[in-house]
Structure formats: structure tokens, C-alpha cells
Amino acid sequence: RARISLVPPAPVDKSKPPSVPVLPPKYTTPAPSKALPALVREGAVDLALLELRLADHSYVTGPLPAQEDLRVKAALAGTSVDGLVHVNVTRWLRNVNSFEEAETKEWL
């Protein structure tokens, strides 16, 4: 016959999660560089570089509009942008131009 123990188990502290060892990852990937490429050089915008940047970002600095967008837009003044070649730049210009001046003053 098996012997049955009448001793209750030790109480479990439910206020804390169970202790589980956390192992370091086998491989690490470096974080992407947050440095912006020089889009404006000597007052002129590198349209090819801007097109590449805007392929992955809604705005020049990322997902939100910023003062850098206004700086690049000002440097683009008088430049002809071919909408068939630079589709992302055209989209970005349309978005940036849709804001009122009062709104752009709030951009960081």
C-alpha cells in the first residue's frame, strides 16, 4: 500500500510570477542606425536618396512629420519632381503640403 501524506503543500505566492530562467539570445542583430542620410547638400536635395528614405518612412525622420520635413521641402522649392519616377517623394510632398502653417509650427 502507498502511504498518503496529510501534510499540506507549501503555500504558493501568487503575487509574483514563477521564477523562470531567462537565457541570453544566441544571436544579436545590431539596431538600425537612426542617423539620417544627408538629404540636402549645398542647398540641393538628393532626390534619389530622398526617394529611398521615403520608401520606408511616411516622413523624412520617420512616422511623424518634423521640422526636418520643412527644411527638405524648402530646399525642394523650384525643383521639378517627376511623379512617375519619384512616387514616394510626390506622396510625401502632398502630405506635407496638406498641413496648415500653424500645424507645422508644432512639429518637433
C-alpha atoms as a PDB file:
ATOM      1  CA  ARG A   1       0.000   0.000   0.000  1.00  0.00           C
ATOM      2  CA  ALA A   2       1.063   3.543  -0.801  1.00  0.00           C
ATOM      3  CA  ARG A   3       1.354   5.898   2.060  1.00  0.00           C
ATOM      4  CA  ILE A   4      -0.649   9.145   1.817  1.00  0.00           C
ATOM      5  CA  SER A   5       0.812  12.239   3.385  1.00  0.00           C
ATOM      6  CA  LEU A   6      -1.623  14.517   5.142  1.00  0.00           C
ATOM      7  CA  VAL A   7       0.851  17.405   5.221  1.00  0.00           C
ATOM      8  CA  PRO A   8      -0.453  20.276   3.061  1.00  0.00           C
ATOM      9  CA  PRO A   9       1.874  21.624   0.339  1.00  0.00           C
ATOM     10  CA  ALA A  10       3.793  24.830   0.964  1.00  0.00           C
ATOM     11  CA  PRO A  11       1.775  27.959   0.103  1.00  0.00           C
ATOM     12  CA  VAL A  12       2.439  29.484  -3.318  1.00  0.00           C
ATOM     13  CA  ASP A  13       2.960  33.238  -3.553  1.00  0.00           C
ATOM     14  CA  LYS A  14       0.606  34.173  -6.419  1.00  0.00           C
ATOM     15  CA  SER A  15       1.548  37.850  -6.330  1.00  0.00           C
ATOM     16  CA  LYS A  16       4.770  37.089  -8.202  1.00  0.00           C
ATOM     17  CA  PRO A  17       5.200  35.261 -11.490  1.00  0.00           C
ATOM     18  CA  PRO A  18       7.011  31.944 -11.302  1.00  0.00           C
ATOM     19  CA  SER A  19      10.773  32.171 -11.466  1.00  0.00           C
ATOM     20  CA  VAL A  20      11.851  31.178 -14.943  1.00  0.00           C
ATOM     21  CA  PRO A  21      15.457  31.491 -16.098  1.00  0.00           C
ATOM     22  CA  VAL A  22      15.926  33.908 -18.985  1.00  0.00           C
ATOM     23  CA  LEU A  23      18.649  32.809 -21.340  1.00  0.00           C
ATOM     24  CA  PRO A  24      20.592  35.299 -23.445  1.00  0.00           C
ATOM     25  CA  PRO A  25      19.834  35.215 -27.173  1.00  0.00           C
ATOM     26  CA  LYS A  26      22.093  33.098 -29.345  1.00  0.00           C
ATOM     27  CA  TYR A  27      22.369  35.832 -31.962  1.00  0.00           C
ATOM     28  CA  THR A  28      22.006  39.556 -31.748  1.00  0.00           C
ATOM     29  CA  THR A  29      21.265  41.972 -34.536  1.00  0.00           C
ATOM     30  CA  PRO A  30      22.543  45.499 -34.222  1.00  0.00           C
ATOM     31  CA  ALA A  31      19.857  48.164 -34.034  1.00  0.00           C
ATOM     32  CA  PRO A  32      19.366  50.095 -37.246  1.00  0.00           C
ATOM     33  CA  SER A  33      21.154  53.386 -37.461  1.00  0.00           C
ATOM     34  CA  LYS A  34      18.967  56.313 -36.522  1.00  0.00           C
ATOM     35  CA  ALA A  35      21.245  58.747 -38.281  1.00  0.00           C
ATOM     36  CA  LEU A  36      19.609  60.476 -41.206  1.00  0.00           C
ATOM     37  CA  PRO A  37      21.454  60.475 -44.501  1.00  0.00           C
ATOM     38  CA  ALA A  38      22.420  63.914 -45.793  1.00  0.00           C
ATOM     39  CA  LEU A  39      19.397  64.569 -47.984  1.00  0.00           C
ATOM     40  CA  VAL A  40      20.244  68.226 -48.588  1.00  0.00           C
ATOM     41  CA  ARG A  41      23.727  69.024 -49.846  1.00  0.00           C
ATOM     42  CA  GLU A  42      24.771  72.547 -50.788  1.00  0.00           C
ATOM     43  CA  GLY A  43      21.123  73.634 -50.832  1.00  0.00           C
ATOM     44  CA  ALA A  44      20.041  70.893 -53.262  1.00  0.00           C
ATOM     45  CA  VAL A  45      18.037  67.780 -52.389  1.00  0.00           C
ATOM     46  CA  ASP A  46      19.303  64.365 -53.454  1.00  0.00           C
ATOM     47  CA  LEU A  47      16.004  63.117 -54.923  1.00  0.00           C
ATOM     48  CA  ALA A  48      17.190  59.522 -55.321  1.00  0.00           C
ATOM     49  CA  LEU A  49      18.238  59.352 -51.668  1.00  0.00           C
ATOM     50  CA  LEU A  50      15.019  61.040 -50.535  1.00  0.00           C
ATOM     51  CA  GLU A  51      13.002  58.561 -52.618  1.00  0.00           C
ATOM     52  CA  LEU A  52      14.767  55.636 -50.916  1.00  0.00           C
ATOM     53  CA  ARG A  53      14.252  57.141 -47.473  1.00  0.00           C
ATOM     54  CA  LEU A  54      10.545  57.736 -48.075  1.00  0.00           C
ATOM     55  CA  ALA A  55      10.030  54.201 -49.395  1.00  0.00           C
ATOM     56  CA  ASP A  56      10.167  53.012 -45.749  1.00  0.00           C
ATOM     57  CA  HIS A  57       9.041  56.130 -43.881  1.00  0.00           C
ATOM     58  CA  SER A  58       5.993  58.363 -44.082  1.00  0.00           C
ATOM     59  CA  TYR A  59       8.098  61.420 -43.366  1.00  0.00           C
ATOM     60  CA  VAL A  60      11.798  62.261 -43.548  1.00  0.00           C
ATOM     61  CA  THR A  61      12.506  61.434 -39.897  1.00  0.00           C
ATOM     62  CA  GLY A  62      10.066  58.542 -39.505  1.00  0.00           C
ATOM     63  CA  PRO A  63       6.351  58.059 -38.870  1.00  0.00           C
ATOM     64  CA  LEU A  64       5.603  61.634 -37.756  1.00  0.00           C
ATOM     65  CA  PRO A  65       6.186  64.957 -39.501  1.00  0.00           C
ATOM     66  CA  ALA A  66       9.049  67.069 -38.146  1.00  0.00           C
ATOM     67  CA  GLN A  67      10.924  70.297 -38.795  1.00  0.00           C
ATOM     68  CA  GLU A  68      13.330  68.320 -40.993  1.00  0.00           C
ATOM     69  CA  ASP A  69      10.442  67.760 -43.417  1.00  0.00           C
ATOM     70  CA  LEU A  70      10.005  71.522 -43.717  1.00  0.00           C
ATOM     71  CA  ARG A  71      13.739  72.015 -44.261  1.00  0.00           C
ATOM     72  CA  VAL A  72      13.798  69.433 -47.077  1.00  0.00           C
ATOM     73  CA  LYS A  73      10.583  70.869 -48.562  1.00  0.00           C
ATOM     74  CA  ALA A  74      12.124  74.365 -48.594  1.00  0.00           C
ATOM     75  CA  ALA A  75      15.238  73.013 -50.331  1.00  0.00           C
ATOM     76  CA  LEU A  76      12.971  71.389 -52.940  1.00  0.00           C
ATOM     77  CA  ALA A  77      11.291  74.715 -53.812  1.00  0.00           C
ATOM     78  CA  GLY A  78      11.617  75.310 -57.547  1.00  0.00           C
ATOM     79  CA  THR A  79      12.699  71.719 -58.218  1.00  0.00           C
ATOM     80  CA  SER A  80      10.640  69.697 -60.664  1.00  0.00           C
ATOM     81  CA  VAL A  81       9.729  66.297 -59.206  1.00  0.00           C
ATOM     82  CA  ASP A  82       8.656  63.643 -61.720  1.00  0.00           C
ATOM     83  CA  GLY A  83       5.747  61.817 -60.078  1.00  0.00           C
ATOM     84  CA  LEU A  84       6.328  58.698 -62.162  1.00  0.00           C
ATOM     85  CA  VAL A  85       9.970  58.395 -61.129  1.00  0.00           C
ATOM     86  CA  HIS A  86       9.773  59.706 -57.553  1.00  0.00           C
ATOM     87  CA  VAL A  87       6.422  58.355 -56.383  1.00  0.00           C
ATOM     88  CA  ASN A  88       7.338  58.414 -52.684  1.00  0.00           C
ATOM     89  CA  VAL A  89       8.636  61.985 -52.854  1.00  0.00           C
ATOM     90  CA  THR A  90       5.401  63.028 -54.599  1.00  0.00           C
ATOM     91  CA  ARG A  91       3.308  61.322 -51.897  1.00  0.00           C
ATOM     92  CA  TRP A  92       5.391  62.949 -49.164  1.00  0.00           C
ATOM     93  CA  LEU A  93       5.099  66.413 -50.748  1.00  0.00           C
ATOM     94  CA  ARG A  94       1.330  66.031 -50.996  1.00  0.00           C
ATOM     95  CA  ASN A  95       1.174  65.038 -47.304  1.00  0.00           C
ATOM     96  CA  VAL A  96       3.471  67.819 -46.098  1.00  0.00           C
ATOM     97  CA  ASN A  97       1.639  70.427 -48.196  1.00  0.00           C
ATOM     98  CA  SER A  98      -1.692  69.376 -46.674  1.00  0.00           C
ATOM     99  CA  PHE A  99      -0.767  70.859 -43.270  1.00  0.00           C
ATOM    100  CA  GLU A 100      -1.604  74.429 -42.287  1.00  0.00           C
ATOM    101  CA  GLU A 101       1.303  76.647 -41.267  1.00  0.00           C
ATOM    102  CA  ALA A 102       0.019  76.778 -37.667  1.00  0.00           C
ATOM    103  CA  GLU A 103       0.167  72.968 -37.501  1.00  0.00           C
ATOM    104  CA  THR A 104       3.734  72.801 -38.829  1.00  0.00           C
ATOM    105  CA  LYS A 105       4.936  75.129 -36.054  1.00  0.00           C
ATOM    106  CA  GLU A 106       4.081  72.369 -33.560  1.00  0.00           C
ATOM    107  CA  TRP A 107       6.315  69.836 -35.283  1.00  0.00           C
ATOM    108  CA  LEU A 108       9.451  68.895 -33.354  1.00  0.00           C
END
